[in-house]
Amino acid sequence: MNKNEYEEKIRELENQVKIMRERYQILVETTSALLFEYRPAEDMMIFNYNFPENKSRNVIENYHQYMKISPLVHPSHLKMFLGVLQTASETPTRGELEYLSKVSNGEFEWHKTYYSSIADKNGKVISVLGRIQNIHEMATQRQEMIHRVETDFLTGLYNKGAATEKITKWMSENSTKEAHLIMVDLDNFKEINDVKGHSFGDDVLKETARVINECFGEISICSRFGGDEFIIFVMDEPIRNVECRIDELMQRLEKDITSIEPPVSCSAGIAARVSKQDDFEELFNRADNAMYMAKKSGKNRYFIDRIG
């Protein structure tokens, strides 16, 4: 490439940058959305509002420090948000991102950002432009739909299909982490239905699900797998903790569900992942077998599969 061709290429790139900035300015003036420009070299974020009640311009210097002190993005999404911004600041790219962001009343709502990097003639990113749209209503409706599809209508726990998918995914993504699968089966549930009626039986299932969720929910994937069978997939917890929680579950079933005699009890089987080659089906079968051993040994107890 000779000198004239090189200079022509530079002028072309400069014109492209100019056109992009002009397009951005047009968007500022015509789009009913929150537009932004981030300047990496200055660590400066510029917000341009173009709403009927707000057409202001907000400049935030030392943006990264500001986000640490008074984050506009929900804490659980902040690392992801800043990571995407950093990538867009280093490499010319375009994309979109959904996250929870603070609105005027101080609450967090779902937003979607569309962004694009602008580079100079040397390929260095000089700004990141984009627009932010509030998608909270749409995102909430989508989450509610997913919730209805994934959950058991009676108990609110994950249904069989959703639990299988989520457990399989976790095992694939965390091949070296400890995991335990617990199969729980209520004792003498057929008799409860026959004597008290199916409506009462449904109440027992709902109360059982509540106790399971309270004992395991924050560290586990809990599911009603069918009938009076439940599975609990405990993630990244040692077996001693799992045993403490299953002991608590059995005690609480007896104490919390007080409207029936004899008290509600369950039998359970626990299987530990012994290698990264273990899949969900293998773990399920071992937990199921351990649960039947508990049933055969007198019920109201748990067995641990000791394989490996």
Protein backbone atom coordinates (compact mmCIF):
# COMPACT_ATOMS: atom_id res chain seq x y z
CA MET A 1 0.00 0.00 0.00
CA ASN A 2 1.52 3.33 -1.09
CA LYS A 3 1.29 6.60 0.81
CA ASN A 4 -1.76 7.90 -1.07
CA GLU A 5 -3.64 4.64 -0.55
CA TYR A 6 -2.72 4.65 3.12
CA GLU A 7 -3.92 8.23 3.62
CA GLU A 8 -7.13 7.43 1.78
CA LYS A 9 -7.71 4.48 4.09
CA ILE A 10 -7.17 6.70 7.12
CA ARG A 11 -9.67 9.26 5.81
CA GLU A 12 -12.16 6.47 5.21
CA LEU A 13 -11.83 5.20 8.78
CA GLU A 14 -12.10 8.71 10.19
CA ASN A 15 -15.25 9.28 8.14
CA GLN A 16 -16.72 6.02 9.44
CA VAL A 17 -16.10 7.11 13.03
CA LYS A 18 -17.66 10.50 12.25
CA ILE A 19 -20.72 8.86 10.71
CA MET A 20 -21.11 6.58 13.71
CA ARG A 21 -21.02 9.56 16.08
CA GLU A 22 -23.57 11.40 13.93
CA ARG A 23 -25.84 8.37 13.97
CA TYR A 24 -25.49 8.23 17.74
CA GLN A 25 -26.43 11.90 18.02
CA ILE A 26 -29.50 11.31 15.87
CA LEU A 27 -30.49 8.45 18.17
CA VAL A 28 -30.02 10.75 21.17
CA GLU A 29 -32.45 13.22 19.64
CA THR A 30 -35.07 10.80 18.29
CA THR A 31 -35.08 7.59 20.36
CA SER A 32 -37.24 7.18 23.46
CA ALA A 33 -34.57 5.20 25.27
CA LEU A 34 -31.56 5.73 27.49
CA LEU A 35 -28.47 6.10 25.32
CA PHE A 36 -24.91 5.95 26.55
CA GLU A 37 -21.34 6.47 25.49
CA TYR A 38 -18.48 5.00 27.47
CA ARG A 39 -14.96 6.40 26.88
CA PRO A 40 -12.39 3.83 28.06
CA ALA A 41 -9.38 6.16 28.03
CA GLU A 42 -11.12 8.51 30.46
CA ASP A 43 -13.19 5.87 32.28
CA MET A 44 -16.16 8.17 31.65
CA MET A 45 -19.79 7.16 31.13
CA ILE A 46 -22.20 9.60 29.49
CA PHE A 47 -25.93 8.95 29.69
CA ASN A 48 -28.33 10.80 27.40
CA TYR A 49 -31.98 10.66 28.39
CA ASN A 50 -34.64 11.30 25.77
CA PHE A 51 -37.90 10.70 27.57
CA PRO A 52 -40.82 13.17 27.59
CA GLU A 53 -40.24 13.93 31.28
CA ASN A 54 -36.45 13.72 31.18
CA LYS A 55 -34.10 14.96 28.49
CA SER A 56 -31.03 15.44 30.64
CA ARG A 57 -27.41 14.41 30.21
CA ASN A 58 -25.50 12.70 32.99
CA VAL A 59 -21.72 12.38 32.99
CA ILE A 60 -20.09 9.95 35.42
CA GLU A 61 -16.32 10.19 35.75
CA ASN A 62 -14.23 7.39 37.28
CA TYR A 63 -17.06 5.08 36.26
CA HIS A 64 -15.60 1.85 37.63
CA GLN A 65 -15.02 3.39 41.04
CA TYR A 66 -18.51 4.86 41.00
CA MET A 67 -20.01 1.45 40.26
CA LYS A 68 -18.20 -0.03 43.27
CA ILE A 69 -19.54 2.65 45.61
CA SER A 70 -23.03 3.22 44.20
CA PRO A 71 -23.74 0.53 41.63
CA LEU A 72 -26.54 1.12 39.13
CA VAL A 73 -26.48 -2.59 38.37
CA HIS A 74 -27.67 -5.26 40.80
CA PRO A 75 -24.75 -6.70 42.84
CA SER A 76 -25.36 -10.20 41.49
CA HIS A 77 -25.01 -8.93 37.91
CA LEU A 78 -22.31 -6.31 38.43
CA LYS A 79 -19.30 -8.55 37.73
CA MET A 80 -20.87 -9.81 34.51
CA PHE A 81 -21.81 -6.28 33.44
CA LEU A 82 -18.36 -4.81 34.03
CA GLY A 83 -16.75 -7.81 32.34
CA VAL A 84 -18.76 -7.22 29.16
CA LEU A 85 -17.93 -3.52 29.26
CA GLN A 86 -14.23 -4.31 29.69
CA THR A 87 -14.27 -6.67 26.71
CA ALA A 88 -16.06 -4.12 24.54
CA SER A 89 -13.50 -1.50 25.64
CA GLU A 90 -10.57 -3.65 24.55
CA THR A 91 -11.79 -5.32 21.38
CA PRO A 92 -14.15 -3.90 18.73
CA THR A 93 -17.37 -5.83 19.20
CA ARG A 94 -21.12 -5.54 19.37
CA GLY A 95 -23.68 -7.44 21.37
CA GLU A 96 -26.50 -7.31 23.87
CA LEU A 97 -26.85 -8.00 27.58
CA GLU A 98 -29.76 -8.48 30.00
CA TYR A 99 -29.36 -7.55 33.67
CA LEU A 100 -31.08 -5.97 36.65
CA SER A 101 -30.55 -2.22 36.90
CA LYS A 102 -31.78 0.39 39.35
CA VAL A 103 -34.69 2.66 38.35
CA SER A 104 -35.81 6.02 39.71
CA ASN A 105 -37.68 4.57 42.70
CA GLY A 106 -34.57 2.70 43.84
CA GLU A 107 -35.89 -0.73 42.84
CA PHE A 108 -34.10 -3.05 40.41
CA GLU A 109 -35.78 -3.95 37.14
CA TRP A 110 -34.72 -5.96 34.09
CA HIS A 111 -32.98 -4.00 31.34
CA LYS A 112 -31.43 -4.89 28.02
CA THR A 113 -28.39 -3.11 26.64
CA TYR A 114 -27.40 -3.11 22.99
CA TYR A 115 -23.80 -1.99 22.57
CA SER A 116 -21.15 -1.48 19.89
CA SER A 117 -17.47 -0.54 20.11
CA ILE A 118 -16.01 2.26 18.01
CA ALA A 119 -12.31 1.93 17.12
CA ASP A 120 -9.82 4.45 15.74
CA LYS A 121 -7.61 3.98 12.70
CA ASN A 122 -5.25 1.76 14.69
CA GLY A 123 -8.01 -0.54 15.88
CA LYS A 124 -8.00 0.88 19.41
CA VAL A 125 -11.46 1.22 20.97
CA ILE A 126 -12.17 4.87 21.65
CA SER A 127 -15.77 4.55 22.80
CA VAL A 128 -18.57 2.09 23.43
CA LEU A 129 -21.97 3.28 22.27
CA GLY A 130 -25.34 1.77 23.03
CA ARG A 131 -28.90 2.05 24.17
CA ILE A 132 -30.63 0.67 27.25
CA GLN A 133 -34.25 -0.44 27.28
CA ASN A 134 -36.42 -1.39 30.22
CA ILE A 135 -37.71 -4.92 29.53
CA HIS A 136 -38.93 -5.64 33.04
CA GLU A 137 -42.54 -6.44 32.14
CA MET A 138 -41.53 -8.72 29.29
CA ALA A 139 -38.77 -10.41 31.34
CA THR A 140 -41.12 -10.94 34.27
CA GLN A 141 -43.75 -12.53 32.03
CA ARG A 142 -41.06 -14.74 30.47
CA GLN A 143 -39.82 -15.84 33.89
CA GLU A 144 -43.35 -16.60 35.03
CA MET A 145 -43.90 -18.72 31.93
CA ILE A 146 -40.63 -20.61 32.50
CA HIS A 147 -41.62 -21.10 36.14
CA ARG A 148 -44.96 -22.61 35.13
CA VAL A 149 -43.29 -24.96 32.66
CA GLU A 150 -40.55 -26.07 35.08
CA THR A 151 -42.45 -26.50 38.33
CA ASP A 152 -44.77 -29.12 39.70
CA PHE A 153 -48.25 -27.57 39.88
CA LEU A 154 -49.02 -29.00 43.32
CA THR A 155 -45.83 -28.49 45.32
CA GLY A 156 -44.00 -25.67 43.51
CA LEU A 157 -40.80 -27.73 43.36
CA TYR A 158 -39.12 -28.49 40.04
CA ASN A 159 -40.88 -31.16 38.01
CA LYS A 160 -39.12 -34.28 36.76
CA GLY A 161 -38.09 -32.89 33.38
CA ALA A 162 -36.73 -29.59 34.68
CA ALA A 163 -34.85 -31.24 37.56
CA THR A 164 -33.26 -33.82 35.25
CA GLU A 165 -32.12 -31.09 32.87
CA LYS A 166 -30.73 -28.81 35.59
CA ILE A 167 -28.92 -31.62 37.41
CA THR A 168 -27.41 -32.95 34.19
CA LYS A 169 -26.24 -29.46 33.25
CA TRP A 170 -24.68 -28.84 36.67
CA MET A 171 -22.86 -32.17 36.64
CA SER A 172 -21.49 -31.43 33.17
CA GLU A 173 -20.26 -27.95 34.16
CA ASN A 174 -18.87 -28.98 37.58
CA SER A 175 -17.19 -32.31 36.92
CA THR A 176 -14.80 -32.11 39.88
CA LYS A 177 -17.20 -30.89 42.57
CA GLU A 178 -18.81 -33.05 45.21
CA ALA A 179 -22.47 -33.91 44.68
CA HIS A 180 -25.10 -36.10 46.31
CA LEU A 181 -28.48 -37.25 45.09
CA ILE A 182 -31.16 -38.09 47.66
CA MET A 183 -34.26 -40.07 46.79
CA VAL A 184 -37.09 -39.49 49.28
CA ASP A 185 -40.27 -41.57 49.40
CA LEU A 186 -43.06 -41.01 51.92
CA ASP A 187 -43.88 -44.04 54.04
CA ASN A 188 -47.37 -45.53 53.80
CA PHE A 189 -48.64 -42.74 51.55
CA LYS A 190 -51.20 -45.01 49.87
CA GLU A 191 -52.83 -45.59 53.24
CA ILE A 192 -52.95 -41.83 53.86
CA ASN A 193 -54.80 -41.35 50.56
CA ASP A 194 -57.12 -44.29 51.19
CA VAL A 195 -58.05 -43.29 54.75
CA LYS A 196 -57.91 -39.48 54.63
CA GLY A 197 -58.70 -38.88 50.97
CA HIS A 198 -56.70 -37.51 48.07
CA SER A 199 -57.25 -33.88 49.03
CA PHE A 200 -55.64 -34.53 52.39
CA GLY A 201 -52.88 -36.46 50.64
CA ASP A 202 -52.22 -33.44 48.43
CA ASP A 203 -51.86 -31.29 51.54
CA VAL A 204 -49.30 -33.74 52.92
CA LEU A 205 -47.33 -33.56 49.66
CA LYS A 206 -47.37 -29.75 49.75
CA GLU A 207 -46.21 -29.67 53.36
CA THR A 208 -43.49 -32.22 52.60
CA ALA A 209 -42.26 -30.06 49.71
CA ARG A 210 -42.18 -27.02 51.97
CA VAL A 211 -40.06 -28.82 54.57
CA ILE A 212 -37.71 -30.19 51.88
CA ASN A 213 -37.24 -26.72 50.44
CA GLU A 214 -36.56 -25.21 53.87
CA CYS A 215 -34.02 -27.90 54.76
CA PHE A 216 -32.22 -28.10 51.41
CA GLY A 217 -33.39 -25.36 49.05
CA GLU A 218 -30.47 -22.94 49.17
CA ILE A 219 -27.86 -25.56 48.24
CA SER A 220 -29.92 -27.99 46.22
CA ILE A 221 -32.15 -28.72 43.27
CA CYS A 222 -35.37 -30.04 44.79
CA SER A 223 -38.01 -31.86 42.77
CA ARG A 224 -41.22 -33.78 43.08
CA PHE A 225 -40.32 -36.64 40.78
CA GLY A 226 -43.76 -38.22 40.74
CA GLY A 227 -46.43 -39.39 43.17
CA ASP A 228 -44.93 -39.24 46.65
CA GLU A 229 -41.32 -39.45 45.44
CA PHE A 230 -38.99 -36.49 45.74
CA ILE A 231 -35.36 -36.04 44.74
CA ILE A 232 -32.87 -33.63 46.25
CA PHE A 233 -29.62 -32.94 44.41
CA VAL A 234 -27.14 -31.42 46.88
CA MET A 235 -24.36 -29.43 45.26
CA ASP A 236 -20.85 -29.04 46.60
CA GLU A 237 -21.55 -30.18 50.18
CA PRO A 238 -19.75 -32.93 52.17
CA ILE A 239 -21.67 -36.05 53.15
CA ARG A 240 -21.69 -35.11 56.86
CA ASN A 241 -23.69 -31.97 56.00
CA VAL A 242 -26.05 -33.97 53.80
CA GLU A 243 -26.71 -36.42 56.65
CA CYS A 244 -27.39 -33.55 59.08
CA ARG A 245 -29.94 -32.10 56.69
CA ILE A 246 -31.70 -35.40 56.01
CA ASP A 247 -31.90 -35.99 59.79
CA GLU A 248 -33.48 -32.56 60.17
CA LEU A 249 -35.91 -33.31 57.34
CA MET A 250 -37.11 -36.53 58.97
CA GLN A 251 -37.54 -34.87 62.36
CA ARG A 252 -39.46 -31.96 60.89
CA LEU A 253 -41.81 -34.15 58.86
CA GLU A 254 -42.89 -35.76 62.10
CA LYS A 255 -43.20 -32.47 64.02
CA ASP A 256 -44.52 -30.10 61.33
CA ILE A 257 -47.24 -32.29 59.83
CA THR A 258 -49.19 -32.82 63.05
CA SER A 259 -52.67 -33.46 61.64
CA ILE A 260 -52.17 -37.18 61.13
CA GLU A 261 -51.50 -40.28 63.21
CA PRO A 262 -49.16 -42.05 62.97
CA PRO A 263 -46.86 -39.14 62.08
CA VAL A 264 -45.64 -38.69 58.53
CA SER A 265 -42.28 -40.31 57.88
CA CYS A 266 -40.11 -41.03 54.89
CA SER A 267 -37.43 -43.39 53.66
CA ALA A 268 -34.45 -42.01 51.79
CA GLY A 269 -31.45 -43.16 49.81
CA ILE A 270 -28.29 -41.12 49.32
CA ALA A 271 -25.80 -41.62 46.50
CA ALA A 272 -22.56 -39.69 46.10
CA ARG A 273 -20.89 -38.91 42.81
CA VAL A 274 -17.70 -40.95 42.91
CA SER A 275 -16.16 -39.84 39.61
CA LYS A 276 -16.67 -37.21 36.95
CA GLN A 277 -17.88 -39.99 34.63
CA ASP A 278 -20.98 -40.49 36.79
CA ASP A 279 -24.07 -39.25 35.02
CA PHE A 280 -27.51 -38.42 36.38
CA GLU A 281 -28.99 -41.82 35.53
CA GLU A 282 -26.21 -43.66 37.37
CA LEU A 283 -26.61 -41.45 40.44
CA PHE A 284 -30.40 -41.77 40.35
CA ASN A 285 -30.34 -45.57 40.17
CA ARG A 286 -27.95 -45.86 43.12
CA ALA A 287 -30.01 -43.43 45.23
CA ASP A 288 -33.19 -45.30 44.30
CA ASN A 289 -31.69 -48.64 45.30
CA ALA A 290 -30.49 -47.19 48.62
CA MET A 291 -33.97 -45.84 49.28
CA TYR A 292 -35.52 -49.28 48.75
CA MET A 293 -32.98 -50.73 51.17
CA ALA A 294 -34.25 -48.21 53.75
CA LYS A 295 -37.83 -49.29 53.03
CA LYS A 296 -36.99 -52.98 53.46
CA SER A 297 -35.17 -52.27 56.73
CA GLY A 298 -38.23 -50.86 58.45
CA LYS A 299 -38.84 -47.42 56.87
CA ASN A 300 -38.37 -44.00 58.53
CA ARG A 301 -34.61 -44.10 57.93
CA TYR A 302 -32.02 -43.46 55.23
CA PHE A 303 -29.34 -45.56 53.61
CA ILE A 304 -26.16 -44.31 51.96
CA ASP A 305 -24.90 -46.03 48.83
CA ARG A 306 -21.28 -46.84 49.69
CA ILE A 307 -20.07 -47.66 46.17
CA GLY A 308 -16.51 -46.46 45.45
